[in-house]
Amino acid sequence: MSNSDMLKDGDFASWVDQKAEALKFALGEKFPVPPSELHSPSVHVETGRQKLEEVLLEHEEPTEEFLEELRALEGAPPLSDEELARQALEAGGGDGDAATPE
């Protein structure tokens, strides 16, 4: 830095933030990333259907569609043990292979 660029005490953090924002903008212009690629396991890409995790863990306000689906599930008859076993065998477990159910 030259003497004209010398920062006063406390201005360094502000200067770093400004440079970081400028760099993010420049990189974003050079390497655009579609929104569908900007996701993590804890932050869901918006798909139109609200998930239970979003309501419970991320404190989102439940949509009317979500509440209707929840009411329908609550009103459904319980599954029999045979049906649960059949679904478990079809699911295939963690590896997705129905030939080797967990």
PDB file of N, CA and C in Angstrom:
ATOM      1  N   MET A   1       0.833  -1.181   0.000  1.00  0.00           N
ATOM      2  CA  MET A   1       0.000   0.000   0.000  1.00  0.00           C
ATOM      3  C   MET A   1       0.875   1.240   0.000  1.00  0.00           C
ATOM      4  N   SER A   2       0.460   2.206  -0.701  1.00  0.00           N
ATOM      5  CA  SER A   2       1.184   3.473  -0.670  1.00  0.00           C
ATOM      6  C   SER A   2       0.653   4.306   0.485  1.00  0.00           C
ATOM      7  N   ASN A   3       1.312   5.413   0.738  1.00  0.00           N
ATOM      8  CA  ASN A   3       0.877   6.274   1.841  1.00  0.00           C
ATOM      9  C   ASN A   3      -0.536   6.804   1.625  1.00  0.00           C
ATOM     10  N   SER A   4      -0.929   6.992   0.372  1.00  0.00           N
ATOM     11  CA  SER A   4      -2.282   7.506   0.110  1.00  0.00           C
ATOM     12  C   SER A   4      -3.340   6.449   0.395  1.00  0.00           C
ATOM     13  N   ASP A   5      -2.932   5.168   0.386  1.00  0.00           N
ATOM     14  CA  ASP A   5      -3.875   4.078   0.643  1.00  0.00           C
ATOM     15  C   ASP A   5      -3.858   3.615   2.090  1.00  0.00           C
ATOM     16  N   MET A   6      -3.056   4.257   2.932  1.00  0.00           N
ATOM     17  CA  MET A   6      -2.955   3.839   4.330  1.00  0.00           C
ATOM     18  C   MET A   6      -4.334   3.934   4.999  1.00  0.00           C
ATOM     19  N   LEU A   7      -4.632   2.937   5.783  1.00  0.00           N
ATOM     20  CA  LEU A   7      -5.939   2.878   6.426  1.00  0.00           C
ATOM     21  C   LEU A   7      -5.821   3.295   7.884  1.00  0.00           C
ATOM     22  N   LYS A   8      -6.842   3.912   8.359  1.00  0.00           N
ATOM     23  CA  LYS A   8      -6.906   4.278   9.770  1.00  0.00           C
ATOM     24  C   LYS A   8      -7.281   3.048  10.571  1.00  0.00           C
ATOM     25  N   ASP A   9      -7.061   3.097  11.867  1.00  0.00           N
ATOM     26  CA  ASP A   9      -7.433   1.982  12.739  1.00  0.00           C
ATOM     27  C   ASP A   9      -8.920   1.683  12.579  1.00  0.00           C
ATOM     28  N   GLY A  10      -9.259   0.400  12.436  1.00  0.00           N
ATOM     29  CA  GLY A  10     -10.651  -0.016  12.302  1.00  0.00           C
ATOM     30  C   GLY A  10     -11.146  -0.012  10.874  1.00  0.00           C
ATOM     31  N   ASP A  11     -10.414   0.623   9.965  1.00  0.00           N
ATOM     32  CA  ASP A  11     -10.841   0.650   8.571  1.00  0.00           C
ATOM     33  C   ASP A  11     -10.386  -0.582   7.803  1.00  0.00           C
ATOM     34  N   PHE A  12      -9.439  -1.323   8.367  1.00  0.00           N
ATOM     35  CA  PHE A  12      -8.900  -2.471   7.649  1.00  0.00           C
ATOM     36  C   PHE A  12      -9.987  -3.516   7.380  1.00  0.00           C
ATOM     37  N   ALA A  13     -10.796  -3.809   8.379  1.00  0.00           N
ATOM     38  CA  ALA A  13     -11.867  -4.793   8.205  1.00  0.00           C
ATOM     39  C   ALA A  13     -12.844  -4.344   7.134  1.00  0.00           C
ATOM     40  N   SER A  14     -13.152  -3.079   7.114  1.00  0.00           N
ATOM     41  CA  SER A  14     -14.044  -2.542   6.089  1.00  0.00           C
ATOM     42  C   SER A  14     -13.412  -2.673   4.706  1.00  0.00           C
ATOM     43  N   TRP A  15     -12.119  -2.383   4.624  1.00  0.00           N
ATOM     44  CA  TRP A  15     -11.404  -2.487   3.352  1.00  0.00           C
ATOM     45  C   TRP A  15     -11.404  -3.935   2.852  1.00  0.00           C
ATOM     46  N   VAL A  16     -11.158  -4.899   3.764  1.00  0.00           N
ATOM     47  CA  VAL A  16     -11.164  -6.313   3.390  1.00  0.00           C
ATOM     48  C   VAL A  16     -12.551  -6.717   2.903  1.00  0.00           C
ATOM     49  N   ASP A  17     -13.604  -6.280   3.592  1.00  0.00           N
ATOM     50  CA  ASP A  17     -14.973  -6.603   3.175  1.00  0.00           C
ATOM     51  C   ASP A  17     -15.265  -6.052   1.786  1.00  0.00           C
ATOM     52  N   GLN A  18     -14.851  -4.831   1.516  1.00  0.00           N
ATOM     53  CA  GLN A  18     -15.071  -4.224   0.201  1.00  0.00           C
ATOM     54  C   GLN A  18     -14.346  -5.012  -0.883  1.00  0.00           C
ATOM     55  N   LYS A  19     -13.103  -5.391  -0.624  1.00  0.00           N
ATOM     56  CA  LYS A  19     -12.329  -6.151  -1.606  1.00  0.00           C
ATOM     57  C   LYS A  19     -12.948  -7.532  -1.827  1.00  0.00           C
ATOM     58  N   ALA A  20     -13.432  -8.170  -0.756  1.00  0.00           N
ATOM     59  CA  ALA A  20     -14.054  -9.487  -0.884  1.00  0.00           C
ATOM     60  C   ALA A  20     -15.330  -9.405  -1.717  1.00  0.00           C
ATOM     61  N   GLU A  21     -16.138  -8.392  -1.479  1.00  0.00           N
ATOM     62  CA  GLU A  21     -17.373  -8.219  -2.255  1.00  0.00           C
ATOM     63  C   GLU A  21     -17.057  -7.970  -3.718  1.00  0.00           C
ATOM     64  N   ALA A  22     -16.050  -7.141  -3.985  1.00  0.00           N
ATOM     65  CA  ALA A  22     -15.661  -6.857  -5.372  1.00  0.00           C
ATOM     66  C   ALA A  22     -15.172  -8.130  -6.054  1.00  0.00           C
ATOM     67  N   LEU A  23     -14.420  -8.938  -5.338  1.00  0.00           N
ATOM     68  CA  LEU A  23     -13.914 -10.185  -5.903  1.00  0.00           C
ATOM     69  C   LEU A  23     -15.052 -11.165  -6.164  1.00  0.00           C
ATOM     70  N   LYS A  24     -16.000 -11.277  -5.230  1.00  0.00           N
ATOM     71  CA  LYS A  24     -17.152 -12.162  -5.446  1.00  0.00           C
ATOM     72  C   LYS A  24     -17.930 -11.732  -6.684  1.00  0.00           C
ATOM     73  N   PHE A  25     -18.106 -10.434  -6.859  1.00  0.00           N
ATOM     74  CA  PHE A  25     -18.836  -9.939  -8.020  1.00  0.00           C
ATOM     75  C   PHE A  25     -18.085 -10.272  -9.295  1.00  0.00           C
ATOM     76  N   ALA A  26     -16.770 -10.033  -9.300  1.00  0.00           N
ATOM     77  CA  ALA A  26     -15.966 -10.304 -10.491  1.00  0.00           C
ATOM     78  C   ALA A  26     -15.970 -11.787 -10.829  1.00  0.00           C
ATOM     79  N   LEU A  27     -15.830 -12.635  -9.835  1.00  0.00           N
ATOM     80  CA  LEU A  27     -15.853 -14.072 -10.089  1.00  0.00           C
ATOM     81  C   LEU A  27     -17.230 -14.544 -10.535  1.00  0.00           C
ATOM     82  N   GLY A  28     -18.263 -13.947  -9.979  1.00  0.00           N
ATOM     83  CA  GLY A  28     -19.620 -14.304 -10.388  1.00  0.00           C
ATOM     84  C   GLY A  28     -19.892 -13.963 -11.837  1.00  0.00           C
ATOM     85  N   GLU A  29     -19.310 -12.882 -12.308  1.00  0.00           N
ATOM     86  CA  GLU A  29     -19.463 -12.507 -13.714  1.00  0.00           C
ATOM     87  C   GLU A  29     -18.708 -13.478 -14.623  1.00  0.00           C
ATOM     88  N   LYS A  30     -17.542 -13.931 -14.185  1.00  0.00           N
ATOM     89  CA  LYS A  30     -16.725 -14.822 -15.014  1.00  0.00           C
ATOM     90  C   LYS A  30     -17.210 -16.260 -14.976  1.00  0.00           C
ATOM     91  N   PHE A  31     -17.698 -16.700 -13.823  1.00  0.00           N
ATOM     92  CA  PHE A  31     -18.089 -18.092 -13.639  1.00  0.00           C
ATOM     93  C   PHE A  31     -19.501 -18.175 -13.068  1.00  0.00           C
ATOM     94  N   PRO A  32     -20.518 -17.884 -13.880  1.00  0.00           N
ATOM     95  CA  PRO A  32     -21.880 -17.944 -13.347  1.00  0.00           C
ATOM     96  C   PRO A  32     -22.255 -19.389 -13.000  1.00  0.00           C
ATOM     97  N   VAL A  33     -22.937 -19.540 -11.876  1.00  0.00           N
ATOM     98  CA  VAL A  33     -23.367 -20.854 -11.409  1.00  0.00           C
ATOM     99  C   VAL A  33     -24.890 -20.827 -11.331  1.00  0.00           C
ATOM    100  N   PRO A  34     -25.545 -21.811 -11.962  1.00  0.00           N
ATOM    101  CA  PRO A  34     -27.005 -21.830 -11.866  1.00  0.00           C
ATOM    102  C   PRO A  34     -27.446 -22.052 -10.432  1.00  0.00           C
ATOM    103  N   PRO A  35     -28.588 -21.481 -10.031  1.00  0.00           N
ATOM    104  CA  PRO A  35     -29.065 -21.622  -8.645  1.00  0.00           C
ATOM    105  C   PRO A  35     -29.217 -23.070  -8.197  1.00  0.00           C
ATOM    106  N   SER A  36     -29.503 -23.975  -9.121  1.00  0.00           N
ATOM    107  CA  SER A  36     -29.676 -25.375  -8.734  1.00  0.00           C
ATOM    108  C   SER A  36     -28.372 -25.989  -8.254  1.00  0.00           C
ATOM    109  N   GLU A  37     -27.229 -25.401  -8.598  1.00  0.00           N
ATOM    110  CA  GLU A  37     -25.943 -25.919  -8.157  1.00  0.00           C
ATOM    111  C   GLU A  37     -25.532 -25.352  -6.805  1.00  0.00           C
ATOM    112  N   LEU A  38     -26.200 -24.308  -6.358  1.00  0.00           N
ATOM    113  CA  LEU A  38     -25.830 -23.645  -5.112  1.00  0.00           C
ATOM    114  C   LEU A  38     -26.647 -24.197  -3.955  1.00  0.00           C
ATOM    115  N   HIS A  39     -26.521 -25.461  -3.689  1.00  0.00           N
ATOM    116  CA  HIS A  39     -27.282 -26.033  -2.585  1.00  0.00           C
ATOM    117  C   HIS A  39     -26.384 -26.874  -1.695  1.00  0.00           C
ATOM    118  N   SER A  40     -26.828 -27.059  -0.513  1.00  0.00           N
ATOM    119  CA  SER A  40     -26.132 -27.918   0.443  1.00  0.00           C
ATOM    120  C   SER A  40     -27.172 -28.849   1.046  1.00  0.00           C
ATOM    121  N   PRO A  41     -26.736 -29.880   1.736  1.00  0.00           N
ATOM    122  CA  PRO A  41     -27.719 -30.803   2.321  1.00  0.00           C
ATOM    123  C   PRO A  41     -28.662 -30.135   3.315  1.00  0.00           C
ATOM    124  N   SER A  42     -28.218 -29.087   3.962  1.00  0.00           N
ATOM    125  CA  SER A  42     -29.069 -28.458   4.963  1.00  0.00           C
ATOM    126  C   SER A  42     -29.968 -27.373   4.385  1.00  0.00           C
ATOM    127  N   VAL A  43     -29.655 -26.891   3.202  1.00  0.00           N
ATOM    128  CA  VAL A  43     -30.470 -25.857   2.563  1.00  0.00           C
ATOM    129  C   VAL A  43     -31.025 -26.447   1.281  1.00  0.00           C
ATOM    130  N   HIS A  44     -32.329 -26.620   1.240  1.00  0.00           N
ATOM    131  CA  HIS A  44     -32.968 -27.275   0.114  1.00  0.00           C
ATOM    132  C   HIS A  44     -33.190 -26.305  -1.039  1.00  0.00           C
ATOM    133  N   VAL A  45     -32.983 -26.807  -2.246  1.00  0.00           N
ATOM    134  CA  VAL A  45     -33.325 -26.037  -3.426  1.00  0.00           C
ATOM    135  C   VAL A  45     -34.847 -25.972  -3.483  1.00  0.00           C
ATOM    136  N   GLU A  46     -35.385 -24.804  -3.768  1.00  0.00           N
ATOM    137  CA  GLU A  46     -36.841 -24.667  -3.809  1.00  0.00           C
ATOM    138  C   GLU A  46     -37.402 -25.518  -4.942  1.00  0.00           C
ATOM    139  N   THR A  47     -38.271 -26.439  -4.603  1.00  0.00           N
ATOM    140  CA  THR A  47     -38.856 -27.332  -5.591  1.00  0.00           C
ATOM    141  C   THR A  47     -40.342 -27.088  -5.768  1.00  0.00           C
ATOM    142  N   GLY A  48     -40.887 -26.193  -4.982  1.00  0.00           N
ATOM    143  CA  GLY A  48     -42.314 -25.937  -5.066  1.00  0.00           C
ATOM    144  C   GLY A  48     -43.080 -26.639  -3.968  1.00  0.00           C
ATOM    145  N   ARG A  49     -42.592 -27.800  -3.520  1.00  0.00           N
ATOM    146  CA  ARG A  49     -43.248 -28.521  -2.426  1.00  0.00           C
ATOM    147  C   ARG A  49     -42.437 -28.328  -1.164  1.00  0.00           C
ATOM    148  N   GLN A  50     -43.092 -27.882  -0.137  1.00  0.00           N
ATOM    149  CA  GLN A  50     -42.425 -27.655   1.139  1.00  0.00           C
ATOM    150  C   GLN A  50     -42.166 -28.992   1.826  1.00  0.00           C
ATOM    151  N   LYS A  51     -41.013 -29.116   2.460  1.00  0.00           N
ATOM    152  CA  LYS A  51     -40.646 -30.346   3.142  1.00  0.00           C
ATOM    153  C   LYS A  51     -40.807 -30.172   4.650  1.00  0.00           C
ATOM    154  N   LEU A  52     -41.006 -31.291   5.326  1.00  0.00           N
ATOM    155  CA  LEU A  52     -41.168 -31.285   6.775  1.00  0.00           C
ATOM    156  C   LEU A  52     -39.936 -30.688   7.459  1.00  0.00           C
ATOM    157  N   GLU A  53     -38.751 -30.987   6.938  1.00  0.00           N
ATOM    158  CA  GLU A  53     -37.516 -30.447   7.524  1.00  0.00           C
ATOM    159  C   GLU A  53     -37.498 -28.925   7.475  1.00  0.00           C
ATOM    160  N   GLU A  54     -38.022 -28.357   6.399  1.00  0.00           N
ATOM    161  CA  GLU A  54     -38.048 -26.903   6.267  1.00  0.00           C
ATOM    162  C   GLU A  54     -38.937 -26.272   7.337  1.00  0.00           C
ATOM    163  N   VAL A  55     -40.031 -26.926   7.658  1.00  0.00           N
ATOM    164  CA  VAL A  55     -40.960 -26.388   8.654  1.00  0.00           C
ATOM    165  C   VAL A  55     -40.392 -26.569  10.060  1.00  0.00           C
ATOM    166  N   LEU A  56     -39.884 -27.776  10.349  1.00  0.00           N
ATOM    167  CA  LEU A  56     -39.429 -28.067  11.708  1.00  0.00           C
ATOM    168  C   LEU A  56     -38.043 -27.504  12.017  1.00  0.00           C
ATOM    169  N   LEU A  57     -37.098 -27.678  11.098  1.00  0.00           N
ATOM    170  CA  LEU A  57     -35.713 -27.300  11.389  1.00  0.00           C
ATOM    171  C   LEU A  57     -35.371 -25.882  10.971  1.00  0.00           C
ATOM    172  N   GLU A  58     -35.973 -25.420   9.889  1.00  0.00           N
ATOM    173  CA  GLU A  58     -35.631 -24.093   9.374  1.00  0.00           C
ATOM    174  C   GLU A  58     -36.682 -23.047   9.737  1.00  0.00           C
ATOM    175  N   HIS A  59     -37.663 -23.454  10.515  1.00  0.00           N
ATOM    176  CA  HIS A  59     -38.690 -22.560  11.053  1.00  0.00           C
ATOM    177  C   HIS A  59     -39.436 -21.796   9.968  1.00  0.00           C
ATOM    178  N   GLU A  60     -39.690 -22.457   8.830  1.00  0.00           N
ATOM    179  CA  GLU A  60     -40.509 -21.843   7.789  1.00  0.00           C
ATOM    180  C   GLU A  60     -41.971 -21.939   8.196  1.00  0.00           C
ATOM    181  N   GLU A  61     -42.733 -20.976   7.794  1.00  0.00           N
ATOM    182  CA  GLU A  61     -44.177 -21.002   8.022  1.00  0.00           C
ATOM    183  C   GLU A  61     -44.776 -22.040   7.071  1.00  0.00           C
ATOM    184  N   PRO A  62     -45.550 -23.025   7.581  1.00  0.00           N
ATOM    185  CA  PRO A  62     -46.106 -24.043   6.689  1.00  0.00           C
ATOM    186  C   PRO A  62     -47.107 -23.438   5.705  1.00  0.00           C
ATOM    187  N   THR A  63     -47.013 -23.888   4.457  1.00  0.00           N
ATOM    188  CA  THR A  63     -47.942 -23.417   3.429  1.00  0.00           C
ATOM    189  C   THR A  63     -49.261 -24.166   3.579  1.00  0.00           C
ATOM    190  N   GLU A  64     -50.292 -23.645   2.957  1.00  0.00           N
ATOM    191  CA  GLU A  64     -51.607 -24.298   3.008  1.00  0.00           C
ATOM    192  C   GLU A  64     -51.536 -25.673   2.344  1.00  0.00           C
ATOM    193  N   GLU A  65     -50.792 -25.792   1.254  1.00  0.00           N
ATOM    194  CA  GLU A  65     -50.626 -27.081   0.569  1.00  0.00           C
ATOM    195  C   GLU A  65     -49.969 -28.104   1.504  1.00  0.00           C
ATOM    196  N   PHE A  66     -48.968 -27.665   2.252  1.00  0.00           N
ATOM    197  CA  PHE A  66     -48.282 -28.550   3.192  1.00  0.00           C
ATOM    198  C   PHE A  66     -49.250 -29.012   4.284  1.00  0.00           C
ATOM    199  N   LEU A  67     -50.027 -28.088   4.822  1.00  0.00           N
ATOM    200  CA  LEU A  67     -50.984 -28.432   5.880  1.00  0.00           C
ATOM    201  C   LEU A  67     -52.049 -29.394   5.378  1.00  0.00           C
ATOM    202  N   GLU A  68     -52.515 -29.205   4.139  1.00  0.00           N
ATOM    203  CA  GLU A  68     -53.505 -30.120   3.571  1.00  0.00           C
ATOM    204  C   GLU A  68     -52.928 -31.523   3.426  1.00  0.00           C
ATOM    205  N   GLU A  69     -51.684 -31.615   2.957  1.00  0.00           N
ATOM    206  CA  GLU A  69     -51.039 -32.913   2.807  1.00  0.00           C
ATOM    207  C   GLU A  69     -50.849 -33.579   4.167  1.00  0.00           C
ATOM    208  N   LEU A  70     -50.493 -32.800   5.164  1.00  0.00           N
ATOM    209  CA  LEU A  70     -50.314 -33.331   6.516  1.00  0.00           C
ATOM    210  C   LEU A  70     -51.639 -33.857   7.076  1.00  0.00           C
ATOM    211  N   ARG A  71     -52.724 -33.113   6.853  1.00  0.00           N
ATOM    212  CA  ARG A  71     -54.048 -33.564   7.319  1.00  0.00           C
ATOM    213  C   ARG A  71     -54.446 -34.863   6.622  1.00  0.00           C
ATOM    214  N   ALA A  72     -54.150 -34.969   5.327  1.00  0.00           N
ATOM    215  CA  ALA A  72     -54.481 -36.194   4.594  1.00  0.00           C
ATOM    216  C   ALA A  72     -53.702 -37.381   5.141  1.00  0.00           C
ATOM    217  N   LEU A  73     -52.444 -37.168   5.479  1.00  0.00           N
ATOM    218  CA  LEU A  73     -51.638 -38.260   6.041  1.00  0.00           C
ATOM    219  C   LEU A  73     -52.124 -38.660   7.425  1.00  0.00           C
ATOM    220  N   GLU A  74     -52.538 -37.673   8.217  1.00  0.00           N
ATOM    221  CA  GLU A  74     -53.045 -37.980   9.555  1.00  0.00           C
ATOM    222  C   GLU A  74     -54.351 -38.759   9.488  1.00  0.00           C
ATOM    223  N   GLY A  75     -55.153 -38.492   8.466  1.00  0.00           N
ATOM    224  CA  GLY A  75     -56.440 -39.160   8.330  1.00  0.00           C
ATOM    225  C   GLY A  75     -56.365 -40.512   7.644  1.00  0.00           C
ATOM    226  N   ALA A  76     -55.207 -40.861   7.103  1.00  0.00           N
ATOM    227  CA  ALA A  76     -55.062 -42.135   6.397  1.00  0.00           C
ATOM    228  C   ALA A  76     -55.002 -43.286   7.404  1.00  0.00           C
ATOM    229  N   PRO A  77     -55.517 -44.446   7.008  1.00  0.00           N
ATOM    230  CA  PRO A  77     -55.455 -45.600   7.916  1.00  0.00           C
ATOM    231  C   PRO A  77     -53.996 -46.045   8.075  1.00  0.00           C
ATOM    232  N   PRO A  78     -53.653 -46.632   9.229  1.00  0.00           N
ATOM    233  CA  PRO A  78     -52.276 -47.092   9.432  1.00  0.00           C
ATOM    234  C   PRO A  78     -51.947 -48.256   8.502  1.00  0.00           C
ATOM    235  N   LEU A  79     -50.689 -48.374   8.137  1.00  0.00           N
ATOM    236  CA  LEU A  79     -50.262 -49.471   7.269  1.00  0.00           C
ATOM    237  C   LEU A  79     -50.119 -50.746   8.095  1.00  0.00           C
ATOM    238  N   SER A  80     -50.468 -51.862   7.468  1.00  0.00           N
ATOM    239  CA  SER A  80     -50.338 -53.156   8.150  1.00  0.00           C
ATOM    240  C   SER A  80     -48.855 -53.545   8.208  1.00  0.00           C
ATOM    241  N   ASP A  81     -48.539 -54.485   9.072  1.00  0.00           N
ATOM    242  CA  ASP A  81     -47.162 -54.972   9.176  1.00  0.00           C
ATOM    243  C   ASP A  81     -46.710 -55.588   7.855  1.00  0.00           C
ATOM    244  N   GLU A  82     -47.630 -56.258   7.165  1.00  0.00           N
ATOM    245  CA  GLU A  82     -47.287 -56.867   5.878  1.00  0.00           C
ATOM    246  C   GLU A  82     -46.946 -55.804   4.843  1.00  0.00           C
ATOM    247  N   GLU A  83     -47.710 -54.713   4.828  1.00  0.00           N
ATOM    248  CA  GLU A  83     -47.446 -53.634   3.878  1.00  0.00           C
ATOM    249  C   GLU A  83     -46.119 -52.952   4.189  1.00  0.00           C
ATOM    250  N   LEU A  84     -45.841 -52.737   5.461  1.00  0.00           N
ATOM    251  CA  LEU A  84     -44.558 -52.145   5.850  1.00  0.00           C
ATOM    252  C   LEU A  84     -43.394 -53.043   5.444  1.00  0.00           C
ATOM    253  N   ALA A  85     -43.546 -54.344   5.640  1.00  0.00           N
ATOM    254  CA  ALA A  85     -42.494 -55.291   5.250  1.00  0.00           C
ATOM    255  C   ALA A  85     -42.302 -55.287   3.740  1.00  0.00           C
ATOM    256  N   ARG A  86     -43.403 -55.253   2.990  1.00  0.00           N
ATOM    257  CA  ARG A  86     -43.318 -55.234   1.524  1.00  0.00           C
ATOM    258  C   ARG A  86     -42.587 -53.980   1.058  1.00  0.00           C
ATOM    259  N   GLN A  87     -42.929 -52.820   1.626  1.00  0.00           N
ATOM    260  CA  GLN A  87     -42.271 -51.579   1.234  1.00  0.00           C
ATOM    261  C   GLN A  87     -40.786 -51.595   1.593  1.00  0.00           C
ATOM    262  N   ALA A  88     -40.454 -52.166   2.740  1.00  0.00           N
ATOM    263  CA  ALA A  88     -39.052 -52.243   3.146  1.00  0.00           C
ATOM    264  C   ALA A  88     -38.253 -53.110   2.189  1.00  0.00           C
ATOM    265  N   LEU A  89     -38.838 -54.230   1.758  1.00  0.00           N
ATOM    266  CA  LEU A  89     -38.143 -55.109   0.822  1.00  0.00           C
ATOM    267  C   LEU A  89     -37.986 -54.453  -0.546  1.00  0.00           C
ATOM    268  N   GLU A  90     -38.962 -53.668  -0.969  1.00  0.00           N
ATOM    269  CA  GLU A  90     -38.889 -52.992  -2.259  1.00  0.00           C
ATOM    270  C   GLU A  90     -37.900 -51.833  -2.255  1.00  0.00           C
ATOM    271  N   ALA A  91     -37.726 -51.207  -1.114  1.00  0.00           N
ATOM    272  CA  ALA A  91     -36.904 -50.006  -1.047  1.00  0.00           C
ATOM    273  C   ALA A  91     -35.436 -50.272  -1.343  1.00  0.00           C
ATOM    274  N   GLY A  92     -34.919 -51.416  -0.932  1.00  0.00           N
ATOM    275  CA  GLY A  92     -33.537 -51.734  -1.252  1.00  0.00           C
ATOM    276  C   GLY A  92     -32.496 -51.187  -0.298  1.00  0.00           C
ATOM    277  N   GLY A  93     -32.897 -50.433   0.691  1.00  0.00           N
ATOM    278  CA  GLY A  93     -31.948 -49.953   1.681  1.00  0.00           C
ATOM    279  C   GLY A  93     -31.052 -48.838   1.188  1.00  0.00           C
ATOM    280  N   GLY A  94     -29.931 -48.680   1.874  1.00  0.00           N
ATOM    281  CA  GLY A  94     -29.012 -47.580   1.607  1.00  0.00           C
ATOM    282  C   GLY A  94     -28.347 -47.654   0.249  1.00  0.00           C
ATOM    283  N   ASP A  95     -28.139 -48.884  -0.274  1.00  0.00           N
ATOM    284  CA  ASP A  95     -27.463 -49.000  -1.568  1.00  0.00           C
ATOM    285  C   ASP A  95     -28.434 -48.963  -2.740  1.00  0.00           C
ATOM    286  N   GLY A  96     -29.735 -48.931  -2.468  1.00  0.00           N
ATOM    287  CA  GLY A  96     -30.732 -48.840  -3.532  1.00  0.00           C
ATOM    288  C   GLY A  96     -30.936 -50.154  -4.283  1.00  0.00           C
ATOM    289  N   ASP A  97     -30.351 -51.220  -3.841  1.00  0.00           N
ATOM    290  CA  ASP A  97     -30.459 -52.511  -4.524  1.00  0.00           C
ATOM    291  C   ASP A  97     -31.547 -53.333  -3.835  1.00  0.00           C
ATOM    292  N   ALA A  98     -32.666 -53.553  -4.524  1.00  0.00           N
ATOM    293  CA  ALA A  98     -33.788 -54.303  -3.959  1.00  0.00           C
ATOM    294  C   ALA A  98     -33.420 -55.764  -3.721  1.00  0.00           C
ATOM    295  N   ALA A  99     -32.362 -56.257  -4.369  1.00  0.00           N
ATOM    296  CA  ALA A  99     -31.945 -57.646  -4.186  1.00  0.00           C
ATOM    297  C   ALA A  99     -31.256 -57.839  -2.842  1.00  0.00           C
ATOM    298  N   THR A 100     -30.801 -56.763  -2.237  1.00  0.00           N
ATOM    299  CA  THR A 100     -30.126 -56.860  -0.940  1.00  0.00           C
ATOM    300  C   THR A 100     -30.753 -55.917   0.064  1.00  0.00           C
ATOM    301  N   PRO A 101     -31.985 -56.228   0.497  1.00  0.00           N
ATOM    302  CA  PRO A 101     -32.640 -55.324   1.450  1.00  0.00           C
ATOM    303  C   PRO A 101     -31.953 -55.360   2.809  1.00  0.00           C
ATOM    304  N   GLU A 102     -32.020 -54.243   3.513  1.00  0.00           N
ATOM    305  CA  GLU A 102     -31.412 -54.171   4.838  1.00  0.00           C
ATOM    306  C   GLU A 102     -32.283 -54.845   5.855  1.00  0.00           C
TER     307      GLU A 102
END
